[in-house]
Protein backbone atom coordinates (compact mmCIF):
# COMPACT_ATOMS: atom_id res chain seq x y z
CA MET A 1 26.34 34.63 4.75
CA LYS A 2 25.44 34.55 1.08
CA VAL A 3 23.22 37.38 -0.18
CA ILE A 4 21.36 36.88 -3.44
CA PRO A 5 19.94 39.74 -5.52
CA VAL A 6 16.34 38.83 -6.23
CA GLY A 7 13.15 40.40 -7.43
CA ALA A 8 9.67 39.65 -6.19
CA CYS A 9 6.26 39.75 -7.80
CA TYR A 10 4.27 42.80 -6.67
CA LYS A 11 1.08 40.74 -6.45
CA CYS A 12 1.94 37.45 -4.76
CA GLY A 13 5.50 38.03 -3.57
CA ALA A 14 6.95 35.09 -5.48
CA VAL A 15 10.72 35.49 -5.54
CA PHE A 16 12.72 35.14 -8.74
CA VAL A 17 16.46 35.44 -9.32
CA GLU A 18 16.85 38.81 -10.97
CA ASP A 19 18.96 39.34 -14.03
CA ASP A 20 19.63 42.69 -15.69
CA LYS A 21 17.19 42.21 -18.56
CA LEU A 22 13.64 41.11 -17.89
CA ALA A 23 11.59 40.22 -20.96
CA LYS A 24 8.70 42.60 -21.64
CA ASP A 25 6.28 39.70 -21.90
CA ALA A 26 7.48 37.89 -18.74
CA VAL A 27 4.81 36.71 -16.33
CA CYS A 28 4.98 35.47 -12.75
CA ALA A 29 5.23 31.69 -12.55
CA GLN A 30 2.94 31.60 -9.51
CA CYS A 31 0.11 34.08 -10.21
CA SER A 32 0.58 34.93 -13.93
CA SER A 33 0.75 38.70 -13.37
CA TRP A 34 2.94 40.82 -15.66
CA MET A 35 6.50 41.21 -14.41
CA HIS A 36 7.39 44.14 -16.72
CA SER A 37 4.99 46.53 -14.98
CA CYS A 38 5.32 49.75 -13.04
CA ALA A 39 4.60 47.97 -9.75
CA ASN A 40 7.81 45.91 -10.20
CA CYS A 41 9.94 48.88 -11.30
CA LEU A 42 12.65 50.53 -9.23
CA HIS A 43 11.29 53.98 -10.14
CA TYR A 44 7.69 53.26 -9.09
CA ASP A 45 6.50 55.51 -6.28
CA GLU A 46 2.86 55.40 -5.24
CA TYR A 47 3.07 58.81 -3.59
CA SER A 48 4.69 60.87 -6.35
CA HIS A 49 2.58 62.97 -8.72
CA SER A 50 3.01 60.76 -11.80
CA LYS A 51 3.59 57.57 -9.73
CA CYS A 52 7.16 57.46 -11.09
CA ARG A 53 10.39 58.97 -9.77
CA GLU A 54 11.87 59.10 -13.27
CA PRO A 55 10.98 62.53 -14.74
CA LYS A 56 11.52 61.47 -18.37
CA ALA A 57 9.17 58.49 -18.20
CA ALA A 58 5.92 58.61 -20.15
CA TYR A 59 2.73 58.43 -18.11
CA VAL A 60 1.34 54.90 -17.84
CA PHE A 61 -2.35 54.48 -17.02
CA ASP A 62 -2.30 50.81 -15.97
CA ARG A 63 0.43 50.52 -13.32
CA LEU A 64 -0.18 46.81 -12.75
CA GLY A 65 -0.36 45.79 -16.39
CA ARG A 66 2.36 45.13 -18.95
CA ASN A 67 4.08 48.20 -20.36
CA GLU A 68 6.81 49.07 -22.85
CA CYS A 69 8.71 51.60 -20.72
CA SER A 70 12.34 51.78 -21.81
CA LEU A 71 13.38 53.11 -18.37
CA PHE A 72 12.13 50.00 -16.54
CA LYS A 73 14.51 48.50 -13.97
CA VAL A 74 13.60 45.59 -11.74
CA LYS A 75 13.05 46.55 -8.12
CA ARG A 76 15.70 44.50 -6.35
CA LEU A 77 15.30 42.86 -3.02
CA VAL A 78 18.41 41.73 -1.24
CA ARG A 79 17.46 38.78 0.87
CA ASP A 80 19.61 36.77 3.19
CA GLU A 81 19.32 33.03 2.51
CA LYS A 82 19.34 32.15 6.21
CA LYS A 83 16.63 34.59 7.27
CA PRO A 84 13.10 33.48 6.32
CA LYS A 85 10.60 35.92 4.84
CA LEU A 86 8.16 37.15 7.47
CA SER A 87 4.60 38.34 7.11
CA PRO A 88 4.06 42.13 7.39
CA ARG A 89 2.74 41.75 10.94
CA ALA A 90 5.68 39.56 11.94
CA GLU A 91 8.11 42.07 10.40
CA LYS A 92 6.49 44.85 12.46
CA LEU A 93 6.76 42.79 15.65
CA ASP A 94 10.38 41.93 14.83
CA ARG A 95 11.24 45.63 14.35
CA GLU A 96 9.50 46.53 17.63
CA ARG A 97 11.33 43.76 19.48
CA SER A 98 14.71 44.83 18.13
CA ALA A 99 13.96 48.48 18.99
CA ARG A 100 13.09 47.50 22.57
CA ASP A 101 16.29 45.47 22.81
CA GLU A 102 18.34 48.43 21.63
CA LEU A 103 16.65 50.74 24.15
CA GLU A 104 17.36 48.29 26.95
CA LYS A 105 21.02 48.14 25.92
CA LEU A 106 21.18 51.92 25.83
CA PHE A 107 19.69 52.50 29.28
CA LYS A 108 21.12 49.44 30.99
CA LYS A 109 23.43 50.28 33.85
């Protein structure tokens, strides 16, 4: 099993092989959205007060647009090559199915 560290576009989900430095003017090859944006950052948190888990970060008004944040780190996704990407509904059904299987194993006599 080979696991590849990748990043994904926040808008369309296009996967790209992630390196440590992402250019500030990089755009998604599929949908042309900015890659160096808060939505693609490891520290981005929709539910925190300033939308960022990094306390030293400056407030950014446009979370989906390009920014110059020096604390930006690409949000990494670790994806197994053999397992295909599922839709959100399929992921939910897969989790439910695996939970049922585990319960059956637990209570099986």
